[in-house]
Amino acid sequence: MNSFTFTQATAVASAVQDKAAHEDAAYIGGGTNLIDLMKENVARPTHLIGLKKLGLDAIEALPGGGLRLGALATNADTAYHPEVEQRYPLLNQAILAGASPQLRNMATDGGNLMQRTRCYYFYDLATPCNKREPGSGCSAIGGYTRVHAILGASEHCIATHPSDMCVALAALDTTVRVSGPNGERTIKFEDFHRLPGDQPERDNTLEPGELITGLDLPAKGFEKNFSYLKLRDRSSYAFALVSVAAALELDGDTITDARLALGGVAHKPWRDKGAEALLIGQPATADTFLRVAAKVLAGAKGQGTNNFKIELAKRAIVRALKQATEMNQAFDANAFQNSNP
C-alpha cells in the first residue's frame, strides 16, 4: 500500500499552489486513468489534489461562434450537449466510440487529454520501459507490438496515445487553456501532445504545475460532412488499432476544406496538414482519397506484429473520407452508440 495525502481544491490558484508545495503531487478529476495507474503501482503520487469543486464543468458559447468545454465537464455531458451534437458531431462520435457509458459519466474532458498509454510494457513493472523509468529501455521494440505506433516513433518508445476524443479535437483545431505558476496561457492542440523523441516520459508540453482549465472549439465544426471511424479488436470497450477523424467542406463534388487526424498510430493524435492540403480543390473521389492515404502513411514503419496497421490505416482513411463525403442526413448519436463497429 502506497500512502498519500489528499486536499480538495476550491480555486484554480490554490490548486496550482498546492501542487507546487508538494513533491510528487498529482491533480485528480474523474480519476478513471490515474486510479488504475496507482493500483498497478505505475503511478505513485504522494499527494492528490481534488479538482471537482473548481467549477470548471460548464460548456459555454464563445464570442465569434466557438464553444468552450470546461476541463471538468464529463465526456458524457460533452457528447450529449445540444451544441456539441448539432455543431460538432465529429466530436460527439469520437467520444461515444471511447470507453463505456460508466466511464464516460466519470471521465473529464481535461483528464482525457492527460491519459497515459495503454502499452502492455508500460503497465508491466517487471519489464523495462523508458516512459515509466527513463533510460531503462523499451521492451516493446522487438516484443509484441500489435497496438503500437507506426508513425512518429523513436528508438526509445513506440507507444501510442489511447484517446478517441483527442483525435477529433486535433481535427477541429482545438485550443487548450491552462493555468500554472506563471499564470494562464493557451496551447494549440497540435502542440499539446509530444512525440517520444529521447524523452518518452513526457506525454505533453505542460510545464510543471500547470492545470488544464478548458478547451476552446472554433466556430467551424464541419457538421455536414464528417466521419469518425474506429477499427478495433472488439465492438466496444476497446482501444483503437486505427481510428480516423475526417471532416470535409464541399462545393458540389469539390473539396474546399478538409481535416484529417488519426488515432492508434502514434504517440499523439496524428494530423498531417500536408495531406489535408492535397484534398483541397480536388474531387471527392476514391483516387483522391487513395493519394492522400499514401501521403499520410509514406513514413510509416511497422515493428513486425503491427505491420498490418500500415495497410489498415490507408484503407481506414479512404473509408472515413468516403463516409464523410456521402453524408446526406443528420447524425443520429443513439444509432451510432448502438451499432458502431
Protein backbone atom coordinates (compact mmCIF):
# COMPACT_ATOMS: atom_id res chain seq x y z
CA MET A 1 0.00 0.00 0.00
CA ASN A 2 1.37 3.40 -1.02
CA SER A 3 0.14 6.10 1.33
CA PHE A 4 -0.78 9.58 0.10
CA THR A 5 -2.42 12.74 1.36
CA PHE A 6 -5.40 14.47 -0.23
CA THR A 7 -6.74 18.01 -0.39
CA GLN A 8 -9.84 19.29 -2.16
CA ALA A 9 -9.08 22.45 -4.08
CA THR A 10 -11.74 25.16 -4.26
CA ALA A 11 -9.95 27.54 -6.65
CA VAL A 12 -7.57 27.12 -9.59
CA ALA A 13 -4.91 29.32 -7.97
CA SER A 14 -4.94 27.33 -4.73
CA ALA A 15 -4.76 24.04 -6.66
CA VAL A 16 -1.67 25.26 -8.50
CA GLN A 17 -0.10 26.48 -5.25
CA ASP A 18 -0.87 23.17 -3.53
CA LYS A 19 0.84 21.21 -6.29
CA ALA A 20 3.91 23.42 -6.09
CA ALA A 21 4.08 22.85 -2.34
CA HIS A 22 4.13 19.03 -2.57
CA GLU A 23 6.73 16.88 -4.26
CA ASP A 24 5.27 14.10 -6.43
CA ALA A 25 1.77 15.59 -6.29
CA ALA A 26 -0.92 14.92 -8.91
CA TYR A 27 -4.21 16.53 -9.88
CA ILE A 28 -7.25 14.23 -9.88
CA GLY A 29 -10.55 14.88 -11.63
CA GLY A 30 -12.59 11.84 -12.65
CA GLY A 31 -9.69 9.53 -11.79
CA THR A 32 -10.57 6.97 -14.45
CA ASN A 33 -6.94 6.55 -15.54
CA LEU A 34 -4.92 7.78 -12.55
CA ILE A 35 -6.57 5.40 -10.09
CA ASP A 36 -5.80 2.45 -12.37
CA LEU A 37 -2.17 3.57 -12.60
CA MET A 38 -1.99 3.84 -8.82
CA LYS A 39 -3.49 0.39 -8.35
CA GLU A 40 -0.84 -1.04 -10.67
CA ASN A 41 1.95 0.93 -8.91
CA VAL A 42 2.80 2.61 -12.21
CA ALA A 43 1.98 6.00 -10.65
CA ARG A 44 2.88 6.66 -7.02
CA PRO A 45 1.84 10.23 -6.14
CA THR A 46 2.38 11.17 -2.51
CA HIS A 47 -0.29 13.86 -2.61
CA LEU A 48 -3.53 14.18 -4.60
CA ILE A 49 -5.31 17.46 -5.31
CA GLY A 50 -9.02 17.05 -5.98
CA LEU A 51 -10.44 19.28 -8.71
CA LYS A 52 -14.16 18.54 -8.60
CA LYS A 53 -15.07 21.74 -6.73
CA LEU A 54 -13.30 24.14 -9.09
CA GLY A 55 -16.44 24.84 -11.11
CA LEU A 56 -14.79 24.10 -14.44
CA ASP A 57 -17.61 21.91 -15.73
CA ALA A 58 -19.55 24.41 -17.85
CA ILE A 59 -19.96 24.23 -21.63
CA GLU A 60 -20.38 27.79 -22.89
CA ALA A 61 -20.63 29.72 -26.14
CA LEU A 62 -17.64 31.88 -27.08
CA PRO A 63 -17.67 35.25 -28.82
CA GLY A 64 -17.26 34.63 -32.52
CA GLY A 65 -19.25 31.40 -32.52
CA GLY A 66 -16.93 28.92 -30.83
CA LEU A 67 -17.62 26.72 -27.82
CA ARG A 68 -15.66 26.35 -24.58
CA LEU A 69 -15.61 22.95 -22.87
CA GLY A 70 -14.79 23.18 -19.17
CA ALA A 71 -11.93 20.88 -18.23
CA LEU A 72 -14.14 19.15 -15.64
CA ALA A 73 -17.14 18.65 -17.92
CA THR A 74 -17.63 14.91 -18.21
CA ASN A 75 -17.22 13.11 -21.51
CA ALA A 76 -20.88 12.08 -21.35
CA ASP A 77 -22.17 15.61 -20.70
CA THR A 78 -20.00 16.88 -23.54
CA ALA A 79 -21.07 14.24 -26.06
CA TYR A 80 -24.77 14.81 -25.37
CA HIS A 81 -24.65 18.59 -25.08
CA PRO A 82 -27.02 20.02 -27.72
CA GLU A 83 -24.36 22.37 -29.14
CA VAL A 84 -21.86 19.52 -29.50
CA GLU A 85 -24.42 17.18 -31.07
CA GLN A 86 -25.57 19.78 -33.57
CA ARG A 87 -22.41 21.77 -34.36
CA TYR A 88 -19.55 19.36 -33.58
CA PRO A 89 -20.93 15.90 -34.38
CA LEU A 90 -17.42 14.63 -35.17
CA LEU A 91 -16.53 15.18 -31.51
CA ASN A 92 -19.80 13.56 -30.43
CA GLN A 93 -18.95 10.46 -32.50
CA ALA A 94 -15.41 10.21 -31.17
CA ILE A 95 -16.45 10.45 -27.52
CA LEU A 96 -19.17 7.84 -27.91
CA ALA A 97 -16.67 5.50 -29.58
CA GLY A 98 -14.50 5.52 -26.46
CA ALA A 99 -14.60 3.65 -23.15
CA SER A 100 -18.01 2.67 -21.74
CA PRO A 101 -21.06 4.68 -20.61
CA GLN A 102 -20.00 4.26 -16.99
CA LEU A 103 -16.51 5.63 -17.65
CA ARG A 104 -17.80 8.47 -19.83
CA ASN A 105 -20.02 9.51 -16.92
CA MET A 106 -16.91 9.97 -14.74
CA ALA A 107 -14.08 10.88 -17.13
CA THR A 108 -13.44 14.59 -17.63
CA ASP A 109 -12.53 16.45 -20.81
CA GLY A 110 -9.28 17.74 -19.35
CA GLY A 111 -8.42 14.31 -17.99
CA ASN A 112 -8.98 12.77 -21.41
CA LEU A 113 -6.03 14.77 -22.75
CA MET A 114 -3.87 13.54 -19.86
CA GLN A 115 -4.45 9.82 -20.41
CA ARG A 116 -1.32 7.71 -20.43
CA THR A 117 -0.57 4.99 -22.95
CA ARG A 118 -2.06 1.52 -22.61
CA CYS A 119 1.17 -0.12 -23.80
CA TYR A 120 1.41 -3.55 -22.16
CA TYR A 121 5.02 -2.98 -21.14
CA PHE A 122 4.28 0.39 -19.55
CA TYR A 123 1.90 -1.36 -17.16
CA ASP A 124 4.19 -4.34 -16.51
CA LEU A 125 6.62 -3.37 -13.75
CA ALA A 126 8.71 -6.47 -14.46
CA THR A 127 9.78 -5.10 -17.86
CA PRO A 128 11.96 -2.10 -18.76
CA CYS A 129 10.07 0.94 -20.04
CA ASN A 130 11.57 4.33 -20.89
CA LYS A 131 8.21 6.01 -20.39
CA ARG A 132 7.85 4.63 -16.88
CA GLU A 133 11.55 4.67 -15.96
CA PRO A 134 13.66 6.85 -18.29
CA GLY A 135 16.83 5.19 -19.53
CA SER A 136 15.73 1.64 -18.71
CA GLY A 137 14.97 0.64 -22.31
CA CYS A 138 11.88 -0.12 -24.42
CA SER A 139 10.60 -3.68 -24.09
CA ALA A 140 8.05 -3.15 -26.84
CA ILE A 141 10.76 -2.84 -29.51
CA GLY A 142 11.39 -6.42 -30.51
CA GLY A 143 8.40 -7.55 -28.46
CA TYR A 144 4.67 -7.93 -29.12
CA THR A 145 3.61 -4.75 -30.88
CA ARG A 146 0.05 -5.24 -32.16
CA VAL A 147 -1.19 -1.95 -30.61
CA HIS A 148 1.98 0.08 -31.09
CA ALA A 149 3.00 3.08 -33.20
CA ILE A 150 3.70 3.09 -36.92
CA LEU A 151 4.26 6.86 -37.19
CA GLY A 152 6.46 9.27 -35.25
CA ALA A 153 8.08 6.64 -33.03
CA SER A 154 11.68 6.72 -31.81
CA GLU A 155 14.32 4.23 -30.72
CA HIS A 156 13.27 4.99 -27.14
CA CYS A 157 9.49 4.42 -27.36
CA ILE A 158 6.82 3.11 -29.75
CA ALA A 159 3.78 3.64 -27.51
CA THR A 160 0.53 5.15 -28.80
CA HIS A 161 -1.84 7.72 -27.33
CA PRO A 162 -5.11 6.00 -26.35
CA SER A 163 -7.75 8.73 -26.70
CA ASP A 164 -10.61 8.84 -29.21
CA MET A 165 -11.79 12.27 -28.13
CA CYS A 166 -8.36 13.78 -28.74
CA VAL A 167 -8.33 12.64 -32.37
CA ALA A 168 -11.46 14.68 -33.04
CA LEU A 169 -10.12 17.63 -31.03
CA ALA A 170 -6.97 17.58 -33.16
CA ALA A 171 -9.00 17.62 -36.38
CA LEU A 172 -11.15 20.50 -35.13
CA ASP A 173 -8.20 22.83 -34.36
CA THR A 174 -8.98 22.98 -30.65
CA THR A 175 -7.12 25.31 -28.28
CA VAL A 176 -6.14 24.12 -24.78
CA ARG A 177 -6.36 26.63 -21.93
CA VAL A 178 -4.06 26.09 -18.94
CA SER A 179 -3.18 27.83 -15.69
CA GLY A 180 0.04 27.42 -13.75
CA PRO A 181 2.64 29.06 -11.52
CA ASN A 182 3.40 31.58 -14.27
CA GLY A 183 -0.22 32.44 -14.98
CA GLU A 184 -2.59 31.49 -17.79
CA ARG A 185 -1.72 30.58 -21.37
CA THR A 186 -3.16 28.77 -24.38
CA ILE A 187 -1.67 25.89 -26.36
CA LYS A 188 -2.63 24.86 -29.87
CA PHE A 189 -3.90 21.30 -29.73
CA GLU A 190 -1.36 20.16 -32.31
CA ASP A 191 1.37 21.37 -29.92
CA PHE A 192 -0.09 19.90 -26.73
CA HIS A 193 0.97 16.24 -27.06
CA ARG A 194 4.55 15.25 -27.85
CA LEU A 195 6.24 12.64 -29.98
CA PRO A 196 8.51 10.45 -27.83
CA GLY A 197 11.91 11.53 -29.16
CA ASP A 198 14.50 10.98 -26.44
CA GLN A 199 12.07 11.95 -23.65
CA PRO A 200 9.20 9.45 -23.92
CA GLU A 201 8.33 10.00 -20.25
CA ARG A 202 6.88 13.38 -21.30
CA ASP A 203 3.47 12.96 -22.88
CA ASN A 204 2.70 16.65 -23.37
CA THR A 205 4.07 20.17 -23.30
CA LEU A 206 2.58 21.24 -19.98
CA GLU A 207 5.03 22.99 -17.67
CA PRO A 208 5.39 21.73 -14.06
CA GLY A 209 2.28 22.52 -12.03
CA GLU A 210 0.13 23.60 -14.97
CA LEU A 211 -3.54 22.63 -14.93
CA ILE A 212 -5.90 22.35 -17.90
CA THR A 213 -8.88 24.66 -17.35
CA GLY A 214 -10.74 24.43 -20.65
CA LEU A 215 -10.84 23.52 -24.33
CA ASP A 216 -11.90 26.06 -26.94
CA LEU A 217 -13.53 24.80 -30.13
CA PRO A 218 -13.54 27.15 -33.14
CA ALA A 219 -16.75 28.20 -34.83
CA LYS A 220 -16.34 25.76 -37.74
CA GLY A 221 -17.50 22.29 -36.72
CA PHE A 222 -17.84 20.55 -40.12
CA GLU A 223 -21.34 19.44 -39.17
CA LYS A 224 -22.39 18.46 -42.70
CA ASN A 225 -19.63 16.12 -43.86
CA PHE A 226 -17.71 14.21 -41.20
CA SER A 227 -16.86 10.72 -40.02
CA TYR A 228 -15.14 9.16 -37.03
CA LEU A 229 -14.09 5.63 -37.92
CA LYS A 230 -12.66 3.39 -35.20
CA LEU A 231 -11.21 -0.02 -36.01
CA ARG A 232 -10.61 -2.27 -33.00
CA ASP A 233 -10.43 -5.87 -31.92
CA ARG A 234 -13.95 -5.94 -30.47
CA SER A 235 -17.01 -3.77 -30.94
CA SER A 236 -16.99 -1.99 -27.57
CA TYR A 237 -14.74 -1.05 -24.68
CA ALA A 238 -11.54 -1.45 -26.69
CA PHE A 239 -8.83 0.97 -27.77
CA ALA A 240 -8.32 1.74 -31.44
CA LEU A 241 -5.92 -0.19 -33.61
CA VAL A 242 -6.52 2.66 -36.06
CA SER A 243 -9.03 5.48 -35.90
CA VAL A 244 -9.69 8.31 -38.34
CA ALA A 245 -11.41 11.66 -37.84
CA ALA A 246 -12.35 13.04 -41.25
CA ALA A 247 -14.11 16.34 -41.90
CA LEU A 248 -14.80 17.96 -45.26
CA GLU A 249 -16.35 21.08 -46.70
CA LEU A 250 -17.74 20.51 -50.19
CA ASP A 251 -18.84 22.65 -53.10
CA GLY A 252 -20.66 20.09 -55.18
CA ASP A 253 -18.11 17.30 -55.60
CA THR A 254 -15.10 19.55 -54.99
CA ILE A 255 -13.38 19.64 -51.61
CA THR A 256 -12.92 23.23 -50.38
CA ASP A 257 -11.65 22.47 -46.85
CA ALA A 258 -10.51 19.31 -45.13
CA ARG A 259 -9.33 17.94 -41.79
CA LEU A 260 -7.82 14.52 -41.20
CA ALA A 261 -6.46 13.09 -37.96
CA LEU A 262 -5.54 9.54 -36.94
CA GLY A 263 -5.52 7.72 -33.62
CA GLY A 264 -3.89 4.46 -32.55
CA VAL A 265 -0.87 5.05 -34.79
CA ALA A 266 1.43 7.41 -32.88
CA HIS A 267 2.47 8.82 -29.51
CA LYS A 268 -0.01 11.67 -30.15
CA PRO A 269 -3.09 12.19 -32.30
CA TRP A 270 -1.59 12.27 -35.80
CA ARG A 271 -2.60 15.11 -38.09
CA ASP A 272 -0.93 15.62 -41.47
CA LYS A 273 -1.63 19.12 -42.78
CA GLY A 274 0.24 18.33 -45.98
CA ALA A 275 -2.21 15.54 -46.70
CA GLU A 276 -5.13 17.86 -45.93
CA ALA A 277 -3.75 20.35 -48.46
CA LEU A 278 -3.75 17.63 -51.12
CA LEU A 279 -7.51 17.26 -50.68
CA ILE A 280 -8.39 20.92 -51.17
CA GLY A 281 -9.52 21.74 -54.68
CA GLN A 282 -9.73 18.08 -55.64
CA PRO A 283 -12.79 15.97 -56.48
CA ALA A 284 -14.12 13.82 -53.65
CA THR A 285 -13.24 10.52 -55.32
CA ALA A 286 -11.57 7.26 -54.35
CA ASP A 287 -8.49 8.18 -56.40
CA THR A 288 -8.07 11.42 -54.46
CA PHE A 289 -8.51 9.63 -51.15
CA LEU A 290 -6.00 6.92 -52.08
CA ARG A 291 -3.36 9.52 -52.91
CA VAL A 292 -3.93 11.24 -49.60
CA ALA A 293 -3.77 7.96 -47.66
CA ALA A 294 -0.45 7.15 -49.33
CA LYS A 295 0.88 10.59 -48.31
CA VAL A 296 -0.13 10.13 -44.66
CA LEU A 297 1.48 6.69 -44.40
CA ALA A 298 4.56 7.45 -46.52
CA GLY A 299 6.85 7.40 -43.47
CA ALA A 300 5.11 4.62 -41.58
CA LYS A 301 7.23 1.86 -40.08
CA GLY A 302 5.95 -1.33 -38.53
CA GLN A 303 7.60 -3.34 -35.77
CA GLY A 304 6.63 -6.80 -37.00
CA THR A 305 3.44 -7.67 -35.18
CA ASN A 306 1.89 -4.34 -36.10
CA ASN A 307 2.92 -4.20 -39.77
CA PHE A 308 -0.72 -4.79 -40.73
CA LYS A 309 -1.63 -1.37 -39.30
CA ILE A 310 0.01 0.43 -42.23
CA GLU A 311 -2.37 -1.01 -44.81
CA LEU A 312 -5.24 -0.87 -42.31
CA ALA A 313 -4.64 2.84 -41.77
CA LYS A 314 -4.61 3.53 -45.53
CA ARG A 315 -7.91 1.74 -46.02
CA ALA A 316 -9.40 3.43 -42.95
CA ILE A 317 -8.52 6.88 -44.32
CA VAL A 318 -10.19 6.12 -47.65
CA ARG A 319 -13.27 4.70 -45.93
CA ALA A 320 -13.61 7.60 -43.48
CA LEU A 321 -13.29 10.22 -46.22
CA LYS A 322 -15.84 8.34 -48.34
CA GLN A 323 -18.25 8.21 -45.40
CA ALA A 324 -17.77 11.93 -44.77
CA THR A 325 -18.47 12.70 -48.44
CA GLU A 326 -21.63 10.65 -48.60
CA MET A 327 -23.38 12.04 -45.50
CA ASN A 328 -26.77 13.31 -46.54
CA GLN A 329 -28.67 13.35 -43.29
CA ALA A 330 -28.26 14.43 -39.69
CA PHE A 331 -26.15 12.20 -37.50
CA ASP A 332 -28.09 10.01 -35.05
CA ALA A 333 -25.96 9.70 -31.88
CA ASN A 334 -28.10 6.92 -30.41
CA ALA A 335 -27.84 4.82 -33.56
CA PHE A 336 -24.07 5.27 -33.57
CA GLN A 337 -23.74 4.24 -29.93
CA ASN A 338 -25.74 1.08 -30.53
CA SER A 339 -24.25 -0.06 -33.82
CA ASN A 340 -20.76 1.40 -34.48
CA PRO A 341 -18.21 -1.38 -35.16
